[in-house]
Amino acid sequence: MWDSLVQTAKSNGLNVYKYLNYIFSLLEQQEVDIEDYSPWNFKVKEKCAN
């Protein structure tokens, strides 16, 4: 599972370290939509781009 997450992040031009930190920070929130974790999400790309 983690490998596919990492590879998808790389495919979408994200910094993997920033991406993983970002999604772990989202886990602290009560209600999070799965789209909030997706590497192709515009918010994710904005925060985690290389």
N, C-alpha and C. Protein backbone atom coordinates (compact mmCIF):
# COMPACT_ATOMS: atom_id res chain seq x y z
N MET A 1 0.81 -1.18 0.00
CA MET A 1 0.00 0.00 0.00
C MET A 1 0.87 1.26 0.00
N TRP A 2 1.83 1.34 0.88
CA TRP A 2 2.66 2.55 0.98
C TRP A 2 3.45 2.77 -0.30
N ASP A 3 3.92 1.68 -0.89
CA ASP A 3 4.69 1.82 -2.12
C ASP A 3 3.85 2.43 -3.23
N SER A 4 2.61 1.99 -3.35
CA SER A 4 1.76 2.56 -4.40
C SER A 4 1.45 4.03 -4.12
N LEU A 5 1.31 4.39 -2.85
CA LEU A 5 1.09 5.79 -2.49
C LEU A 5 2.30 6.64 -2.86
N VAL A 6 3.48 6.13 -2.56
CA VAL A 6 4.73 6.83 -2.87
C VAL A 6 4.90 6.96 -4.38
N GLN A 7 4.67 5.88 -5.11
CA GLN A 7 4.85 5.91 -6.56
C GLN A 7 3.84 6.85 -7.23
N THR A 8 2.62 6.87 -6.73
CA THR A 8 1.61 7.77 -7.28
C THR A 8 1.98 9.22 -7.00
N ALA A 9 2.49 9.48 -5.82
CA ALA A 9 2.95 10.84 -5.49
C ALA A 9 4.07 11.26 -6.44
N LYS A 10 5.03 10.38 -6.67
CA LYS A 10 6.13 10.69 -7.60
C LYS A 10 5.60 10.96 -9.01
N SER A 11 4.63 10.14 -9.45
CA SER A 11 4.06 10.30 -10.80
C SER A 11 3.36 11.64 -10.97
N ASN A 12 2.88 12.19 -9.86
CA ASN A 12 2.18 13.47 -9.90
C ASN A 12 3.09 14.63 -9.57
N GLY A 13 4.40 14.39 -9.54
CA GLY A 13 5.38 15.45 -9.36
C GLY A 13 5.46 16.00 -7.95
N LEU A 14 5.11 15.18 -6.95
CA LEU A 14 5.14 15.65 -5.58
C LEU A 14 6.44 15.27 -4.89
N ASN A 15 6.81 16.05 -3.91
CA ASN A 15 7.90 15.71 -3.01
C ASN A 15 7.32 14.69 -2.03
N VAL A 16 7.83 13.47 -2.04
CA VAL A 16 7.25 12.37 -1.26
C VAL A 16 7.26 12.69 0.24
N TYR A 17 8.34 13.25 0.73
CA TYR A 17 8.44 13.59 2.15
C TYR A 17 7.35 14.60 2.54
N LYS A 18 7.19 15.65 1.73
CA LYS A 18 6.15 16.65 2.00
C LYS A 18 4.76 16.03 1.92
N TYR A 19 4.56 15.16 0.93
CA TYR A 19 3.27 14.51 0.75
C TYR A 19 2.90 13.66 1.95
N LEU A 20 3.81 12.82 2.40
CA LEU A 20 3.51 11.95 3.54
C LEU A 20 3.27 12.77 4.81
N ASN A 21 4.05 13.82 5.02
CA ASN A 21 3.81 14.69 6.16
C ASN A 21 2.43 15.34 6.06
N TYR A 22 2.07 15.76 4.87
CA TYR A 22 0.77 16.40 4.67
C TYR A 22 -0.38 15.44 4.98
N ILE A 23 -0.34 14.24 4.44
CA ILE A 23 -1.46 13.33 4.68
C ILE A 23 -1.51 12.88 6.14
N PHE A 24 -0.36 12.75 6.78
CA PHE A 24 -0.39 12.40 8.21
C PHE A 24 -0.99 13.53 9.03
N SER A 25 -0.75 14.76 8.62
CA SER A 25 -1.36 15.89 9.34
C SER A 25 -2.88 15.90 9.16
N LEU A 26 -3.36 15.42 8.01
CA LEU A 26 -4.80 15.34 7.78
C LEU A 26 -5.46 14.28 8.64
N LEU A 27 -4.71 13.27 9.02
CA LEU A 27 -5.28 12.20 9.84
C LEU A 27 -5.75 12.71 11.20
N GLU A 28 -5.19 13.81 11.64
CA GLU A 28 -5.57 14.38 12.93
C GLU A 28 -6.96 15.00 12.89
N GLN A 29 -7.46 15.30 11.72
CA GLN A 29 -8.77 15.94 11.59
C GLN A 29 -9.86 14.88 11.71
N GLN A 30 -11.01 15.29 12.20
CA GLN A 30 -12.13 14.37 12.40
C GLN A 30 -12.72 13.87 11.08
N GLU A 31 -13.11 14.81 10.22
CA GLU A 31 -13.76 14.43 8.97
C GLU A 31 -12.88 14.81 7.79
N VAL A 32 -12.37 13.80 7.13
CA VAL A 32 -11.52 14.03 5.97
C VAL A 32 -12.02 13.13 4.84
N ASP A 33 -12.23 13.73 3.70
CA ASP A 33 -12.63 12.98 2.51
C ASP A 33 -11.40 12.32 1.90
N ILE A 34 -11.55 11.14 1.35
CA ILE A 34 -10.42 10.41 0.76
C ILE A 34 -9.75 11.23 -0.34
N GLU A 35 -10.51 12.08 -1.02
CA GLU A 35 -9.94 12.93 -2.05
C GLU A 35 -8.89 13.89 -1.48
N ASP A 36 -9.00 14.21 -0.19
CA ASP A 36 -8.03 15.10 0.44
C ASP A 36 -6.64 14.48 0.49
N TYR A 37 -6.55 13.16 0.37
CA TYR A 37 -5.28 12.44 0.42
C TYR A 37 -4.67 12.20 -0.96
N SER A 38 -5.48 12.32 -1.98
CA SER A 38 -5.06 11.94 -3.34
C SER A 38 -3.94 12.83 -3.87
N PRO A 39 -2.91 12.22 -4.44
CA PRO A 39 -1.79 12.99 -4.98
C PRO A 39 -2.18 13.93 -6.11
N TRP A 40 -3.28 13.67 -6.78
CA TRP A 40 -3.71 14.53 -7.89
C TRP A 40 -4.62 15.66 -7.41
N ASN A 41 -4.93 15.71 -6.12
CA ASN A 41 -5.74 16.78 -5.56
C ASN A 41 -4.98 18.10 -5.66
N PHE A 42 -5.65 19.17 -6.11
CA PHE A 42 -4.95 20.44 -6.33
C PHE A 42 -4.35 21.00 -5.04
N LYS A 43 -5.00 20.79 -3.89
CA LYS A 43 -4.45 21.27 -2.62
C LYS A 43 -3.17 20.52 -2.26
N VAL A 44 -3.17 19.22 -2.52
CA VAL A 44 -1.99 18.40 -2.25
C VAL A 44 -0.85 18.85 -3.14
N LYS A 45 -1.13 19.03 -4.43
CA LYS A 45 -0.09 19.46 -5.36
C LYS A 45 0.48 20.82 -4.98
N GLU A 46 -0.38 21.70 -4.50
CA GLU A 46 0.06 23.03 -4.09
C GLU A 46 1.02 22.97 -2.91
N LYS A 47 0.74 22.11 -1.95
CA LYS A 47 1.53 22.03 -0.74
C LYS A 47 2.76 21.13 -0.86
N CYS A 48 2.72 20.19 -1.80
CA CYS A 48 3.76 19.15 -1.83
C CYS A 48 4.55 19.06 -3.13
N ALA A 49 4.41 20.03 -3.99
CA ALA A 49 5.14 19.98 -5.27
C ALA A 49 6.65 20.04 -5.03
N ASN A 50 7.38 19.42 -5.94
CA ASN A 50 8.85 19.41 -5.85
C ASN A 50 9.45 20.76 -5.93
